[in-house]
C-alpha atoms as a PDB file:
ATOM      1  CA  UNK A   1       8.939 -19.741  14.412  1.00  0.00           C
ATOM      2  CA  UNK A   2       8.069 -21.099  10.981  1.00  0.00           C
ATOM      3  CA  UNK A   3       4.877 -20.819   8.957  1.00  0.00           C
ATOM      4  CA  UNK A   4       4.023 -23.694   6.626  1.00  0.00           C
ATOM      5  CA  UNK A   5       2.188 -23.060   3.337  1.00  0.00           C
ATOM      6  CA  UNK A   6       0.981 -26.010   1.270  1.00  0.00           C
ATOM      7  CA  UNK A   7       0.262 -25.567  -2.422  1.00  0.00           C
ATOM      8  CA  UNK A   8       2.914 -22.872  -2.229  1.00  0.00           C
ATOM      9  CA  UNK A   9       3.662 -22.727  -5.959  1.00  0.00           C
ATOM     10  CA  UNK A  10       0.020 -22.139  -6.869  1.00  0.00           C
ATOM     11  CA  UNK A  11      -1.788 -18.864  -7.433  1.00  0.00           C
ATOM     12  CA  UNK A  12      -2.861 -18.063  -3.871  1.00  0.00           C
ATOM     13  CA  UNK A  13       0.111 -19.988  -2.500  1.00  0.00           C
ATOM     14  CA  UNK A  14       2.542 -17.582  -4.159  1.00  0.00           C
ATOM     15  CA  UNK A  15       0.628 -14.615  -2.788  1.00  0.00           C
ATOM     16  CA  UNK A  16       0.766 -16.110   0.704  1.00  0.00           C
ATOM     17  CA  UNK A  17       4.483 -16.848   0.486  1.00  0.00           C
ATOM     18  CA  UNK A  18       5.191 -13.334  -0.786  1.00  0.00           C
ATOM     19  CA  UNK A  19       3.133 -11.697   1.964  1.00  0.00           C
ATOM     20  CA  UNK A  20       4.758 -13.763   4.710  1.00  0.00           C
ATOM     21  CA  UNK A  21       8.281 -13.156   3.398  1.00  0.00           C
ATOM     22  CA  UNK A  22       7.579  -9.430   3.110  1.00  0.00           C
ATOM     23  CA  UNK A  23       6.853  -9.419   6.849  1.00  0.00           C
ATOM     24  CA  UNK A  24      10.181 -11.162   7.590  1.00  0.00           C
ATOM     25  CA  UNK A  25       8.712 -14.586   8.387  1.00  0.00           C
ATOM     26  CA  UNK A  26      10.427 -17.931   8.105  1.00  0.00           C
ATOM     27  CA  UNK A  27       8.324 -19.794   5.531  1.00  0.00           C
ATOM     28  CA  UNK A  28       8.350 -23.477   4.649  1.00  0.00           C
ATOM     29  CA  UNK A  29       6.782 -23.801   1.201  1.00  0.00           C
ATOM     30  CA  UNK A  30       5.363 -27.244   0.408  1.00  0.00           C
ATOM     31  CA  UNK A  31       4.369 -28.328  -3.077  1.00  0.00           C
ATOM     32  CA  UNK A  32       4.575 -31.453  -5.238  1.00  0.00           C
ATOM     33  CA  UNK A  33       7.495 -30.011  -7.166  1.00  0.00           C
ATOM     34  CA  UNK A  34       9.433 -26.773  -7.244  1.00  0.00           C
ATOM     35  CA  UNK A  35       7.299 -25.249  -9.984  1.00  0.00           C
ATOM     36  CA  UNK A  36       7.513 -21.556  -9.113  1.00  0.00           C
ATOM     37  CA  UNK A  37       6.194 -19.247 -11.829  1.00  0.00           C
ATOM     38  CA  UNK A  38       8.661 -17.121 -13.779  1.00  0.00           C
ATOM     39  CA  UNK A  39      10.036 -14.250 -11.652  1.00  0.00           C
ATOM     40  CA  UNK A  40       8.843 -15.722  -8.343  1.00  0.00           C
ATOM     41  CA  UNK A  41      12.123 -17.039  -6.920  1.00  0.00           C
ATOM     42  CA  UNK A  42      13.988 -13.808  -7.707  1.00  0.00           C
ATOM     43  CA  UNK A  43      11.172 -11.764  -6.203  1.00  0.00           C
ATOM     44  CA  UNK A  44      11.020 -13.884  -3.045  1.00  0.00           C
ATOM     45  CA  UNK A  45      14.824 -13.844  -2.601  1.00  0.00           C
ATOM     46  CA  UNK A  46      14.723 -10.038  -2.402  1.00  0.00           C
ATOM     47  CA  UNK A  47      12.291 -10.067   0.539  1.00  0.00           C
ATOM     48  CA  UNK A  48      13.437 -10.046   4.184  1.00  0.00           C
ATOM     49  CA  UNK A  49      11.946 -13.393   5.233  1.00  0.00           C
ATOM     50  CA  UNK A  50      13.581 -16.805   4.988  1.00  0.00           C
ATOM     51  CA  UNK A  51      12.188 -19.297   2.459  1.00  0.00           C
ATOM     52  CA  UNK A  52      12.678 -23.058   2.561  1.00  0.00           C
ATOM     53  CA  UNK A  53      11.124 -25.292  -0.084  1.00  0.00           C
ATOM     54  CA  UNK A  54      10.041 -28.873   0.610  1.00  0.00           C
ATOM     55  CA  UNK A  55       8.769 -31.218  -2.095  1.00  0.00           C
ATOM     56  CA  UNK A  56       5.839 -33.218  -0.732  1.00  0.00           C
ATOM     57  CA  UNK A  57       2.505 -34.436  -2.057  1.00  0.00           C
ATOM     58  CA  UNK A  58      -0.291 -33.761   0.424  1.00  0.00           C
ATOM     59  CA  UNK A  59      -1.602 -37.275  -0.232  1.00  0.00           C
ATOM     60  CA  UNK A  60       1.662 -38.758   1.101  1.00  0.00           C
ATOM     61  CA  UNK A  61       1.595 -38.973   4.921  1.00  0.00           C
ATOM     62  CA  UNK A  62       5.251 -40.072   5.131  1.00  0.00           C
ATOM     63  CA  UNK A  63       6.464 -37.075   3.116  1.00  0.00           C
ATOM     64  CA  UNK A  64       4.360 -34.722   5.226  1.00  0.00           C
ATOM     65  CA  UNK A  65       5.558 -36.323   8.460  1.00  0.00           C
ATOM     66  CA  UNK A  66       9.171 -35.891   7.400  1.00  0.00           C
ATOM     67  CA  UNK A  67       8.664 -32.271   6.318  1.00  0.00           C
ATOM     68  CA  UNK A  68       6.752 -31.219   9.427  1.00  0.00           C
ATOM     69  CA  UNK A  69       9.236 -33.013  11.697  1.00  0.00           C
ATOM     70  CA  UNK A  70      12.176 -31.250  10.051  1.00  0.00           C
ATOM     71  CA  UNK A  71      10.376 -27.899  10.255  1.00  0.00           C
ATOM     72  CA  UNK A  72       9.561 -28.316  13.947  1.00  0.00           C
ATOM     73  CA  UNK A  73      13.108 -29.446  14.750  1.00  0.00           C
ATOM     74  CA  UNK A  74      14.775 -26.591  12.862  1.00  0.00           C
ATOM     75  CA  UNK A  75      12.743 -23.836  14.486  1.00  0.00           C
ATOM     76  CA  UNK A  76      13.454 -23.171  18.184  1.00  0.00           C
ATOM     77  CA  UNK A  77       9.841 -22.172  18.787  1.00  0.00           C
ATOM     78  CA  UNK A  78       8.261 -24.775  16.514  1.00  0.00           C
ATOM     79  CA  UNK A  79       5.583 -24.301  13.874  1.00  0.00           C
ATOM     80  CA  UNK A  80       3.707 -21.038  14.312  1.00  0.00           C
ATOM     81  CA  UNK A  81       0.979 -21.832  11.834  1.00  0.00           C
ATOM     82  CA  UNK A  82      -0.110 -23.707   8.739  1.00  0.00           C
ATOM     83  CA  UNK A  83      -2.077 -22.380   5.778  1.00  0.00           C
ATOM     84  CA  UNK A  84      -3.228 -25.390   3.794  1.00  0.00           C
ATOM     85  CA  UNK A  85      -3.747 -24.093   0.277  1.00  0.00           C
ATOM     86  CA  UNK A  86      -2.975 -27.198  -1.797  1.00  0.00           C
ATOM     87  CA  UNK A  87      -5.937 -28.044  -4.032  1.00  0.00           C
ATOM     88  CA  UNK A  88      -7.054 -28.966  -7.514  1.00  0.00           C
ATOM     89  CA  UNK A  89      -9.418 -26.350  -8.971  1.00  0.00           C
ATOM     90  CA  UNK A  90     -11.087 -28.294 -11.783  1.00  0.00           C
ATOM     91  CA  UNK A  91     -13.072 -27.324 -14.812  1.00  0.00           C
ATOM     92  CA  UNK A  92     -15.893 -29.477 -16.135  1.00  0.00           C
ATOM     93  CA  UNK A  93     -13.649 -31.728 -18.236  1.00  0.00           C
ATOM     94  CA  UNK A  94     -11.323 -32.539 -15.322  1.00  0.00           C
ATOM     95  CA  UNK A  95     -14.279 -32.949 -12.965  1.00  0.00           C
ATOM     96  CA  UNK A  96     -15.768 -35.514 -15.357  1.00  0.00           C
ATOM     97  CA  UNK A  97     -12.462 -37.347 -15.812  1.00  0.00           C
ATOM     98  CA  UNK A  98     -10.694 -37.109 -12.445  1.00  0.00           C
ATOM     99  CA  UNK A  99     -13.302 -36.994  -9.678  1.00  0.00           C
ATOM    100  CA  UNK A 100     -11.326 -39.524  -7.628  1.00  0.00           C
ATOM    101  CA  UNK A 101      -8.121 -37.471  -7.814  1.00  0.00           C
ATOM    102  CA  UNK A 102      -9.985 -34.283  -6.893  1.00  0.00           C
ATOM    103  CA  UNK A 103     -11.305 -35.976  -3.759  1.00  0.00           C
ATOM    104  CA  UNK A 104      -7.919 -37.462  -2.894  1.00  0.00           C
ATOM    105  CA  UNK A 105      -6.129 -34.116  -3.040  1.00  0.00           C
ATOM    106  CA  UNK A 106      -8.823 -31.738  -1.809  1.00  0.00           C
ATOM    107  CA  UNK A 107     -10.326 -33.898   0.956  1.00  0.00           C
ATOM    108  CA  UNK A 108      -7.916 -36.672   1.933  1.00  0.00           C
ATOM    109  CA  UNK A 109      -4.907 -34.388   1.462  1.00  0.00           C
ATOM    110  CA  UNK A 110      -6.476 -31.996   3.946  1.00  0.00           C
ATOM    111  CA  UNK A 111      -6.766 -34.781   6.523  1.00  0.00           C
ATOM    112  CA  UNK A 112      -3.117 -35.724   6.016  1.00  0.00           C
ATOM    113  CA  UNK A 113      -2.004 -32.111   6.546  1.00  0.00           C
ATOM    114  CA  UNK A 114      -4.177 -31.780   9.660  1.00  0.00           C
ATOM    115  CA  UNK A 115      -2.655 -34.953  11.090  1.00  0.00           C
ATOM    116  CA  UNK A 116       0.893 -33.711  10.461  1.00  0.00           C
ATOM    117  CA  UNK A 117       0.066 -30.314  11.977  1.00  0.00           C
ATOM    118  CA  UNK A 118      -1.420 -32.024  15.042  1.00  0.00           C
ATOM    119  CA  UNK A 119       1.508 -34.380  15.498  1.00  0.00           C
ATOM    120  CA  UNK A 120       4.051 -31.561  15.361  1.00  0.00           C
ATOM    121  CA  UNK A 121       2.319 -28.974  17.498  1.00  0.00           C
ATOM    122  CA  UNK A 122       1.318 -26.318  14.980  1.00  0.00           C
ATOM    123  CA  UNK A 123      -0.163 -23.375  16.880  1.00  0.00           C
ATOM    124  CA  UNK A 124      -2.991 -22.746  14.389  1.00  0.00           C
ATOM    125  CA  UNK A 125      -4.155 -24.115  11.029  1.00  0.00           C
ATOM    126  CA  UNK A 126      -6.039 -21.933   8.548  1.00  0.00           C
ATOM    127  CA  UNK A 127      -7.898 -23.883   5.895  1.00  0.00           C
ATOM    128  CA  UNK A 128      -8.844 -21.793   2.822  1.00  0.00           C
ATOM    129  CA  UNK A 129     -12.198 -23.189   1.745  1.00  0.00           C
ATOM    130  CA  UNK A 130     -14.179 -21.695  -1.127  1.00  0.00           C
ATOM    131  CA  UNK A 131     -17.389 -19.830  -1.910  1.00  0.00           C
ATOM    132  CA  UNK A 132     -18.032 -22.748  -4.272  1.00  0.00           C
ATOM    133  CA  UNK A 133     -19.340 -24.694  -1.270  1.00  0.00           C
ATOM    134  CA  UNK A 134     -22.606 -22.724  -1.505  1.00  0.00           C
ATOM    135  CA  UNK A 135     -23.399 -24.301  -4.877  1.00  0.00           C
ATOM    136  CA  UNK A 136     -27.149 -24.390  -5.463  1.00  0.00           C
ATOM    137  CA  UNK A 137     -27.729 -22.189  -2.390  1.00  0.00           C
ATOM    138  CA  UNK A 138     -25.540 -19.332  -3.621  1.00  0.00           C
ATOM    139  CA  UNK A 139     -28.323 -17.042  -4.863  1.00  0.00           C
ATOM    140  CA  UNK A 140     -30.170 -15.378  -1.965  1.00  0.00           C
ATOM    141  CA  UNK A 141     -31.330 -11.780  -2.280  1.00  0.00           C
ATOM    142  CA  UNK A 142     -28.946 -10.710   0.485  1.00  0.00           C
ATOM    143  CA  UNK A 143     -25.173 -11.304   0.792  1.00  0.00           C
ATOM    144  CA  UNK A 144     -24.286 -14.820   1.881  1.00  0.00           C
ATOM    145  CA  UNK A 145     -23.751 -15.100   5.633  1.00  0.00           C
ATOM    146  CA  UNK A 146     -21.542 -17.737   7.294  1.00  0.00           C
ATOM    147  CA  UNK A 147     -23.933 -18.280  10.172  1.00  0.00           C
ATOM    148  CA  UNK A 148     -27.208 -18.190   8.247  1.00  0.00           C
ATOM    149  CA  UNK A 149     -26.767 -19.674   4.782  1.00  0.00           C
ATOM    150  CA  UNK A 150     -26.342 -23.433   4.462  1.00  0.00           C
ATOM    151  CA  UNK A 151     -24.105 -24.680   1.622  1.00  0.00           C
ATOM    152  CA  UNK A 152     -25.508 -27.037  -1.005  1.00  0.00           C
ATOM    153  CA  UNK A 153     -22.375 -27.838  -3.056  1.00  0.00           C
ATOM    154  CA  UNK A 154     -23.139 -29.182  -6.531  1.00  0.00           C
ATOM    155  CA  UNK A 155     -19.722 -29.694  -8.151  1.00  0.00           C
ATOM    156  CA  UNK A 156     -16.974 -32.145  -7.245  1.00  0.00           C
ATOM    157  CA  UNK A 157     -14.806 -29.185  -6.272  1.00  0.00           C
ATOM    158  CA  UNK A 158     -17.467 -27.653  -4.045  1.00  0.00           C
ATOM    159  CA  UNK A 159     -18.332 -31.021  -2.503  1.00  0.00           C
ATOM    160  CA  UNK A 160     -14.685 -31.799  -1.747  1.00  0.00           C
ATOM    161  CA  UNK A 161     -14.008 -28.334  -0.317  1.00  0.00           C
ATOM    162  CA  UNK A 162     -17.082 -28.463   1.904  1.00  0.00           C
ATOM    163  CA  UNK A 163     -16.223 -31.947   3.141  1.00  0.00           C
ATOM    164  CA  UNK A 164     -12.641 -30.843   3.842  1.00  0.00           C
ATOM    165  CA  UNK A 165     -13.855 -27.719   5.628  1.00  0.00           C
ATOM    166  CA  UNK A 166     -16.154 -29.742   7.868  1.00  0.00           C
ATOM    167  CA  UNK A 167     -13.424 -32.323   8.460  1.00  0.00           C
ATOM    168  CA  UNK A 168     -11.039 -29.541   9.500  1.00  0.00           C
ATOM    169  CA  UNK A 169     -13.532 -28.131  11.964  1.00  0.00           C
ATOM    170  CA  UNK A 170     -14.299 -31.625  13.280  1.00  0.00           C
ATOM    171  CA  UNK A 171     -10.565 -32.116  13.858  1.00  0.00           C
ATOM    172  CA  UNK A 172     -10.688 -28.916  15.879  1.00  0.00           C
ATOM    173  CA  UNK A 173     -13.181 -30.603  18.217  1.00  0.00           C
ATOM    174  CA  UNK A 174     -11.701 -34.107  18.249  1.00  0.00           C
ATOM    175  CA  UNK A 175      -8.050 -33.210  18.603  1.00  0.00           C
ATOM    176  CA  UNK A 176      -8.277 -29.904  20.435  1.00  0.00           C
ATOM    177  CA  UNK A 177      -6.573 -28.117  17.536  1.00  0.00           C
ATOM    178  CA  UNK A 178      -6.845 -24.437  16.750  1.00  0.00           C
ATOM    179  CA  UNK A 179      -8.296 -24.748  13.240  1.00  0.00           C
ATOM    180  CA  UNK A 180     -10.038 -21.993  11.278  1.00  0.00           C
ATOM    181  CA  UNK A 181     -11.848 -22.305   7.942  1.00  0.00           C
ATOM    182  CA  UNK A 182     -11.968 -19.349   5.539  1.00  0.00           C
ATOM    183  CA  UNK A 183     -14.295 -19.420   2.534  1.00  0.00           C
ATOM    184  CA  UNK A 184     -12.466 -17.464  -0.161  1.00  0.00           C
ATOM    185  CA  UNK A 185     -14.416 -15.573  -2.805  1.00  0.00           C
ATOM    186  CA  UNK A 186     -13.599 -14.944  -6.469  1.00  0.00           C
ATOM    187  CA  UNK A 187      -9.885 -14.118  -6.362  1.00  0.00           C
ATOM    188  CA  UNK A 188      -7.703 -12.616  -9.086  1.00  0.00           C
ATOM    189  CA  UNK A 189      -4.387 -10.843  -9.351  1.00  0.00           C
ATOM    190  CA  UNK A 190      -0.619 -11.419  -9.168  1.00  0.00           C
ATOM    191  CA  UNK A 191       0.799 -14.875  -9.918  1.00  0.00           C
ATOM    192  CA  UNK A 192      -2.449 -16.127 -11.472  1.00  0.00           C
ATOM    193  CA  UNK A 193      -1.831 -18.509 -14.348  1.00  0.00           C
ATOM    194  CA  UNK A 194      -2.606 -22.040 -15.520  1.00  0.00           C
ATOM    195  CA  UNK A 195      -0.678 -24.153 -13.017  1.00  0.00           C
ATOM    196  CA  UNK A 196      -1.726 -27.499 -14.464  1.00  0.00           C
ATOM    197  CA  UNK A 197      -4.226 -28.045 -11.641  1.00  0.00           C
ATOM    198  CA  UNK A 198      -6.047 -24.709 -11.872  1.00  0.00           C
ATOM    199  CA  UNK A 199      -8.496 -24.881 -14.764  1.00  0.00           C
ATOM    200  CA  UNK A 200     -10.736 -21.927 -13.925  1.00  0.00           C
ATOM    201  CA  UNK A 201      -8.942 -18.625 -14.484  1.00  0.00           C
ATOM    202  CA  UNK A 202     -10.576 -15.429 -13.282  1.00  0.00           C
ATOM    203  CA  UNK A 203     -12.544 -13.044 -15.463  1.00  0.00           C
ATOM    204  CA  UNK A 204     -10.408  -9.981 -14.583  1.00  0.00           C
ATOM    205  CA  UNK A 205      -7.196 -11.869 -15.394  1.00  0.00           C
ATOM    206  CA  UNK A 206      -8.555 -13.117 -18.742  1.00  0.00           C
ATOM    207  CA  UNK A 207      -9.936  -9.670 -19.598  1.00  0.00           C
ATOM    208  CA  UNK A 208      -6.637  -7.966 -18.790  1.00  0.00           C
ATOM    209  CA  UNK A 209      -4.658 -10.447 -20.862  1.00  0.00           C
ATOM    210  CA  UNK A 210      -7.071 -10.124 -23.792  1.00  0.00           C
ATOM    211  CA  UNK A 211      -6.944  -6.311 -23.884  1.00  0.00           C
ATOM    212  CA  UNK A 212      -3.151  -6.271 -23.568  1.00  0.00           C
ATOM    213  CA  UNK A 213      -3.037  -8.692 -26.519  1.00  0.00           C
ATOM    214  CA  UNK A 214      -5.201  -6.334 -28.575  1.00  0.00           C
ATOM    215  CA  UNK A 215      -8.282  -8.548 -28.518  1.00  0.00           C
ATOM    216  CA  UNK A 216     -11.894  -7.395 -28.249  1.00  0.00           C
ATOM    217  CA  UNK A 217     -14.061  -8.055 -25.192  1.00  0.00           C
ATOM    218  CA  UNK A 218     -17.818  -8.377 -25.096  1.00  0.00           C
ATOM    219  CA  UNK A 219     -20.278  -9.327 -22.376  1.00  0.00           C
ATOM    220  CA  UNK A 220     -24.062  -9.731 -22.538  1.00  0.00           C
ATOM    221  CA  UNK A 221     -24.443  -8.797 -18.842  1.00  0.00           C
ATOM    222  CA  UNK A 222     -22.343  -7.207 -16.115  1.00  0.00           C
ATOM    223  CA  UNK A 223     -21.324 -10.531 -14.542  1.00  0.00           C
ATOM    224  CA  UNK A 224     -20.131 -11.384 -11.026  1.00  0.00           C
ATOM    225  CA  UNK A 225     -19.570  -8.548  -8.542  1.00  0.00           C
ATOM    226  CA  UNK A 226     -17.710 -10.222  -5.665  1.00  0.00           C
ATOM    227  CA  UNK A 227     -14.083 -10.044  -6.783  1.00  0.00           C
ATOM    228  CA  UNK A 228     -11.248  -9.970  -4.300  1.00  0.00           C
ATOM    229  CA  UNK A 229      -7.644  -9.075  -5.082  1.00  0.00           C
ATOM    230  CA  UNK A 230      -5.188 -11.870  -4.264  1.00  0.00           C
ATOM    231  CA  UNK A 231      -2.924  -9.746  -2.003  1.00  0.00           C
ATOM    232  CA  UNK A 232      -6.025  -8.983   0.075  1.00  0.00           C
ATOM    233  CA  UNK A 233      -6.759 -12.715   0.323  1.00  0.00           C
ATOM    234  CA  UNK A 234      -3.215 -13.431   1.488  1.00  0.00           C
ATOM    235  CA  UNK A 235      -3.236 -10.595   4.025  1.00  0.00           C
ATOM    236  CA  UNK A 236      -6.642 -11.646   5.363  1.00  0.00           C
ATOM    237  CA  UNK A 237      -5.604 -15.282   5.788  1.00  0.00           C
ATOM    238  CA  UNK A 238      -2.447 -14.219   7.630  1.00  0.00           C
ATOM    239  CA  UNK A 239      -4.505 -11.864   9.810  1.00  0.00           C
ATOM    240  CA  UNK A 240      -6.654 -14.851  10.804  1.00  0.00           C
ATOM    241  CA  UNK A 241      -3.512 -16.905  11.379  1.00  0.00           C
ATOM    242  CA  UNK A 242      -2.038 -14.222  13.649  1.00  0.00           C
ATOM    243  CA  UNK A 243      -5.085 -13.080  15.615  1.00  0.00           C
ATOM    244  CA  UNK A 244      -4.740 -13.611  19.359  1.00  0.00           C
ATOM    245  CA  UNK A 245      -8.424 -14.436  19.739  1.00  0.00           C
ATOM    246  CA  UNK A 246     -10.918 -15.422  17.057  1.00  0.00           C
ATOM    247  CA  UNK A 247     -14.613 -15.226  17.807  1.00  0.00           C
ATOM    248  CA  UNK A 248     -15.591 -17.738  15.131  1.00  0.00           C
ATOM    249  CA  UNK A 249     -14.290 -20.903  13.500  1.00  0.00           C
ATOM    250  CA  UNK A 250     -15.498 -19.904  10.013  1.00  0.00           C
ATOM    251  CA  UNK A 251     -14.897 -16.681   8.075  1.00  0.00           C
ATOM    252  CA  UNK A 252     -15.612 -15.318   4.627  1.00  0.00           C
ATOM    253  CA  UNK A 253     -12.601 -13.817   2.845  1.00  0.00           C
ATOM    254  CA  UNK A 254     -13.686 -11.617  -0.026  1.00  0.00           C
ATOM    255  CA  UNK A 255     -14.032  -8.053  -1.194  1.00  0.00           C
ATOM    256  CA  UNK A 256     -17.614  -7.811   0.027  1.00  0.00           C
ATOM    257  CA  UNK A 257     -19.085  -7.002  -3.389  1.00  0.00           C
ATOM    258  CA  UNK A 258     -19.162  -3.643  -5.101  1.00  0.00           C
ATOM    259  CA  UNK A 259     -17.943  -3.984  -8.673  1.00  0.00           C
ATOM    260  CA  UNK A 260     -18.650  -6.353 -11.542  1.00  0.00           C
ATOM    261  CA  UNK A 261     -16.629  -7.998 -14.279  1.00  0.00           C
ATOM    262  CA  UNK A 262     -18.069  -5.442 -16.719  1.00  0.00           C
ATOM    263  CA  UNK A 263     -16.879  -2.627 -14.433  1.00  0.00           C
ATOM    264  CA  UNK A 264     -13.331  -4.034 -14.619  1.00  0.00           C
ATOM    265  CA  UNK A 265     -13.481  -4.405 -18.411  1.00  0.00           C
ATOM    266  CA  UNK A 266     -14.906  -0.932 -18.953  1.00  0.00           C
ATOM    267  CA  UNK A 267     -12.414   0.803 -16.664  1.00  0.00           C
ATOM    268  CA  UNK A 268      -9.438  -1.114 -18.056  1.00  0.00           C
ATOM    269  CA  UNK A 269     -10.579  -0.343 -21.602  1.00  0.00           C
ATOM    270  CA  UNK A 270     -10.676   3.355 -20.694  1.00  0.00           C
ATOM    271  CA  UNK A 271      -7.263   3.211 -18.999  1.00  0.00           C
ATOM    272  CA  UNK A 272      -5.671   1.590 -22.032  1.00  0.00           C
ATOM    273  CA  UNK A 273      -7.528   3.808 -24.511  1.00  0.00           C
ATOM    274  CA  UNK A 274      -8.420   0.621 -26.342  1.00  0.00           C
ATOM    275  CA  UNK A 275     -12.132   1.053 -27.170  1.00  0.00           C
ATOM    276  CA  UNK A 276     -12.444  -2.711 -27.467  1.00  0.00           C
ATOM    277  CA  UNK A 277     -15.060  -3.519 -24.805  1.00  0.00           C
ATOM    278  CA  UNK A 278     -18.776  -3.940 -25.469  1.00  0.00           C
ATOM    279  CA  UNK A 279     -21.602  -4.600 -22.972  1.00  0.00           C
ATOM    280  CA  UNK A 280     -24.692  -5.611 -24.946  1.00  0.00           C
ATOM    281  CA  UNK A 281     -27.404  -8.177 -24.093  1.00  0.00           C
ATOM    282  CA  UNK A 282     -27.380  -9.359 -27.715  1.00  0.00           C
ATOM    283  CA  UNK A 283     -23.703 -10.341 -27.930  1.00  0.00           C
ATOM    284  CA  UNK A 284     -21.985 -13.628 -27.106  1.00  0.00           C
ATOM    285  CA  UNK A 285     -19.625 -13.470 -24.137  1.00  0.00           C
ATOM    286  CA  UNK A 286     -15.909 -13.627 -24.908  1.00  0.00           C
ATOM    287  CA  UNK A 287     -15.164 -14.180 -21.203  1.00  0.00           C
ATOM    288  CA  UNK A 288     -16.493 -17.043 -19.059  1.00  0.00           C
ATOM    289  CA  UNK A 289     -19.727 -16.186 -17.261  1.00  0.00           C
ATOM    290  CA  UNK A 290     -21.574 -18.465 -14.846  1.00  0.00           C
ATOM    291  CA  UNK A 291     -25.173 -19.343 -15.622  1.00  0.00           C
ATOM    292  CA  UNK A 292     -26.128 -17.195 -12.607  1.00  0.00           C
ATOM    293  CA  UNK A 293     -24.125 -14.719 -10.570  1.00  0.00           C
ATOM    294  CA  UNK A 294     -23.511 -15.833  -6.993  1.00  0.00           C
ATOM    295  CA  UNK A 295     -24.522 -13.450  -4.223  1.00  0.00           C
ATOM    296  CA  UNK A 296     -21.540 -11.642  -2.658  1.00  0.00           C
ATOM    297  CA  UNK A 297     -20.028 -12.948   0.546  1.00  0.00           C
ATOM    298  CA  UNK A 298     -20.780 -10.923   3.661  1.00  0.00           C
ATOM    299  CA  UNK A 299     -17.496 -10.117   5.408  1.00  0.00           C
ATOM    300  CA  UNK A 300     -18.714  -8.686   8.713  1.00  0.00           C
ATOM    301  CA  UNK A 301     -16.815 -11.337  10.681  1.00  0.00           C
ATOM    302  CA  UNK A 302     -13.599 -10.690   8.763  1.00  0.00           C
ATOM    303  CA  UNK A 303     -13.770  -6.930   9.324  1.00  0.00           C
ATOM    304  CA  UNK A 304     -12.982  -7.469  13.000  1.00  0.00           C
ATOM    305  CA  UNK A 305      -9.514  -8.663  11.930  1.00  0.00           C
ATOM    306  CA  UNK A 306      -8.873  -7.343   8.411  1.00  0.00           C
ATOM    307  CA  UNK A 307     -10.274  -4.636   6.136  1.00  0.00           C
ATOM    308  CA  UNK A 308      -9.779  -5.246   2.385  1.00  0.00           C
ATOM    309  CA  UNK A 309      -7.448  -2.622   0.922  1.00  0.00           C
ATOM    310  CA  UNK A 310      -8.099  -3.027  -2.781  1.00  0.00           C
ATOM    311  CA  UNK A 311     -11.207  -1.745  -4.494  1.00  0.00           C
ATOM    312  CA  UNK A 312     -11.436  -1.711  -8.288  1.00  0.00           C
ATOM    313  CA  UNK A 313      -9.145   1.288  -8.870  1.00  0.00           C
ATOM    314  CA  UNK A 314      -6.499   0.281  -6.327  1.00  0.00           C
ATOM    315  CA  UNK A 315      -6.449  -3.293  -7.605  1.00  0.00           C
ATOM    316  CA  UNK A 316      -6.135  -2.132 -11.212  1.00  0.00           C
ATOM    317  CA  UNK A 317      -3.291   0.264 -10.361  1.00  0.00           C
ATOM    318  CA  UNK A 318      -1.413  -2.457  -8.507  1.00  0.00           C
ATOM    319  CA  UNK A 319      -2.077  -5.217 -11.039  1.00  0.00           C
ATOM    320  CA  UNK A 320      -0.997  -3.172 -14.051  1.00  0.00           C
ATOM    321  CA  UNK A 321       2.150  -2.036 -12.232  1.00  0.00           C
ATOM    322  CA  UNK A 322       2.861  -5.633 -11.228  1.00  0.00           C
ATOM    323  CA  UNK A 323       2.453  -6.838 -14.814  1.00  0.00           C
ATOM    324  CA  UNK A 324       4.645  -3.997 -16.108  1.00  0.00           C
ATOM    325  CA  UNK A 325       7.431  -5.093 -13.760  1.00  0.00           C
ATOM    326  CA  UNK A 326       7.424  -8.723 -14.899  1.00  0.00           C
ATOM    327  CA  UNK A 327      10.181 -10.091 -17.133  1.00  0.00           C
ATOM    328  CA  UNK A 328       9.593 -11.374 -20.670  1.00  0.00           C
ATOM    329  CA  UNK A 329       9.701 -14.906 -19.231  1.00  0.00           C
ATOM    330  CA  UNK A 330       6.592 -14.227 -17.171  1.00  0.00           C
ATOM    331  CA  UNK A 331       4.721 -12.661 -20.076  1.00  0.00           C
ATOM    332  CA  UNK A 332       5.668 -15.497 -22.392  1.00  0.00           C
ATOM    333  CA  UNK A 333       4.231 -18.011 -19.924  1.00  0.00           C
ATOM    334  CA  UNK A 334       1.241 -15.853 -19.008  1.00  0.00           C
ATOM    335  CA  UNK A 335       0.148 -15.249 -22.585  1.00  0.00           C
ATOM    336  CA  UNK A 336       0.112 -18.909 -23.701  1.00  0.00           C
END
C-alpha cells in the first residue's frame, strides 16, 4: 500500500517522507515542483522504502485526480493513507499582499485533496493543522486543551488553517471518511529552511545558524517554551495515521512544553564554547519573539499513541549531528 504526502518538499514534508521511507513504506510525494533541499534525494535513496514523486498543485483538481488515480492503480492494496502537509506559512508582508493565495492553498487546496482521497478510497487522511488556530485565545494559565479551549484565529494563516481543519472534520461526517486533524506546535529541526512559501523560521533554527556563523545572540526574555523536534512531529503524525482505533478526531502534536528558546540558546552556547548568548531584559532581541508567549499544547490525547522522544538535550544532539553530516551544498543554501 502507498502513503501520499502533499507538500512533500517542505520542512515537515521532508521529515514525513524520511520517516516513512525509513520504515520501508511506499511513498508518493506530491509537491508543485521537485524542489527537494540539498542532500534530500541522496538521503532518501539510501532508505529502504520506495519513493515516487508527482508534480501537482493542490489547487488543481485534475492534477490531483490523475495522481491519486495512478497511485491507487499502481498499488495492489490501494492508498493506505494521506498526510496533507501542503501549505503556505506566511509572514506579515505575505499575509498583507497574498491573502487570497493563502486561502486558496491552505483552505481550498485542502478540500481538493480531501475530494481526491475520497474518490480513490484512501484508508485515512491526517490533516496537520496548527497551534496558530488558537490566535487570541492562546494564553490561558493552563496548557491548551483540544476539548476545552476554543480557537480564535487572528491571522490569515490561522484563519485558513482553522477553516481547513473544520472542513476536514466536516468531510469526515458528510462523506464517511476517516479524517483526523492534528494541531502541530512550534516545530524545528532537520530540513528546515526558507522554501519560498515558509516565511516564519523557528527560533532554535535561527539561533543555531547564528551561533555557527559566529554571531551574537541576545534575548530580553526566555521566549516560547513549547518546541517540538520535527522528527517527533513526523513520527507522531504517522502514529496517528497507523493507529487501529483513534478515540478522538482532533489531537495536539507537540513536545508538551518544558524548555524555552533561551534554554536552547544557553545550552547551545555552552556546547559550542561560544560565550555569545545574553539574556537581559534591557537588550533588544536578535531572534524573533512573539508579543506574548502562547501557552503550551496539552498532549494527553497524543500520549495514548505516541510519546515524544526528543527533549532539549536529545534534540540538540541529533540536530548538531544532522547538521555535521550535511554536504557543503546544504550549508551554502541553509546559511543564505
